[in-house]
Protein backbone atom coordinates (compact mmCIF):
# COMPACT_ATOMS: atom_id res chain seq x y z
CA UNK A 1 0.03 -0.12 0.13
CA UNK A 2 1.29 3.38 -0.75
CA UNK A 3 0.85 6.07 1.57
CA UNK A 4 1.09 9.64 1.01
CA UNK A 5 4.47 11.15 2.08
CA UNK A 6 2.88 13.76 4.46
CA UNK A 7 1.22 11.10 6.09
CA UNK A 8 4.35 9.05 7.00
CA UNK A 9 6.33 9.53 10.13
CA UNK A 10 9.64 11.34 10.20
CA UNK A 11 12.26 8.97 9.85
CA UNK A 12 14.98 8.73 12.82
CA UNK A 13 18.66 8.54 12.14
CA UNK A 14 20.33 5.55 12.76
CA UNK A 15 22.57 7.14 15.30
CA UNK A 16 19.73 8.55 17.47
CA UNK A 17 18.02 4.95 17.54
CA UNK A 18 21.49 3.51 18.69
CA UNK A 19 21.68 6.48 21.47
CA UNK A 20 18.25 5.77 22.68
CA UNK A 21 18.85 1.97 22.89
CA UNK A 22 22.07 3.05 24.87
CA UNK A 23 20.16 4.92 27.27
CA UNK A 24 17.55 2.56 27.61
CA UNK A 25 20.13 -0.53 28.45
CA UNK A 26 21.61 1.98 31.12
CA UNK A 27 18.21 2.40 32.62
CA UNK A 28 17.65 -1.30 32.62
CA UNK A 29 20.89 -1.70 34.57
CA UNK A 30 19.90 0.78 37.05
CA UNK A 31 16.68 -0.95 37.41
CA UNK A 32 18.08 -4.39 38.25
CA UNK A 33 21.48 -3.66 39.67
CA UNK A 34 21.58 -0.48 41.54
CA UNK A 35 19.36 1.79 43.93
CA UNK A 36 15.70 2.50 42.84
CA UNK A 37 16.24 6.05 43.30
CA UNK A 38 18.92 6.36 40.47
CA UNK A 39 16.67 4.33 38.28
CA UNK A 40 13.69 6.76 39.09
CA UNK A 41 15.91 9.91 38.22
CA UNK A 42 17.18 8.04 35.00
CA UNK A 43 13.56 7.49 33.81
CA UNK A 44 12.60 10.99 34.69
CA UNK A 45 15.30 12.49 32.72
CA UNK A 46 14.85 10.05 29.64
CA UNK A 47 11.48 11.45 29.39
CA UNK A 48 12.34 14.75 29.56
CA UNK A 49 14.93 14.36 27.03
CA UNK A 50 12.66 12.81 24.58
CA UNK A 51 10.15 15.47 25.07
CA UNK A 52 7.82 13.50 27.59
CA UNK A 53 8.41 15.51 30.68
CA UNK A 54 6.08 13.15 32.44
CA UNK A 55 3.85 10.53 31.05
CA UNK A 56 0.32 11.59 31.21
CA UNK A 57 -0.60 8.19 32.91
CA UNK A 58 2.54 7.23 35.15
CA UNK A 59 5.08 8.99 37.04
CA UNK A 60 8.71 7.76 36.86
CA UNK A 61 8.03 5.63 40.35
CA UNK A 62 5.13 4.08 38.69
CA UNK A 63 7.38 3.31 35.64
CA UNK A 64 9.76 1.66 38.04
CA UNK A 65 7.50 -0.25 39.88
CA UNK A 66 5.88 -1.62 36.74
CA UNK A 67 9.39 -2.82 35.45
CA UNK A 68 10.64 -4.17 38.46
CA UNK A 69 7.31 -6.32 38.58
CA UNK A 70 8.10 -7.84 35.44
CA UNK A 71 11.74 -8.52 35.80
CA UNK A 72 13.09 -11.83 34.10
CA UNK A 73 13.59 -14.61 36.17
CA UNK A 74 16.82 -16.08 35.28
CA UNK A 75 17.24 -19.78 36.19
């Protein structure tokens, strides 16, 4: 299916996607391997840096709670 160019989302440079992925992995490390307050601060900073100063339906604390609730179990 062909979509008019003005309806397509803007492209994201590969370098930006890689930068975001690195930051998400860093936040994951904070969630599982360090203290909770560092993780909450990193989530809030990430949201601010990506133009989401505070998610409408969740605070950084709630996001950390949700992430920790679904922490993978390593056997």
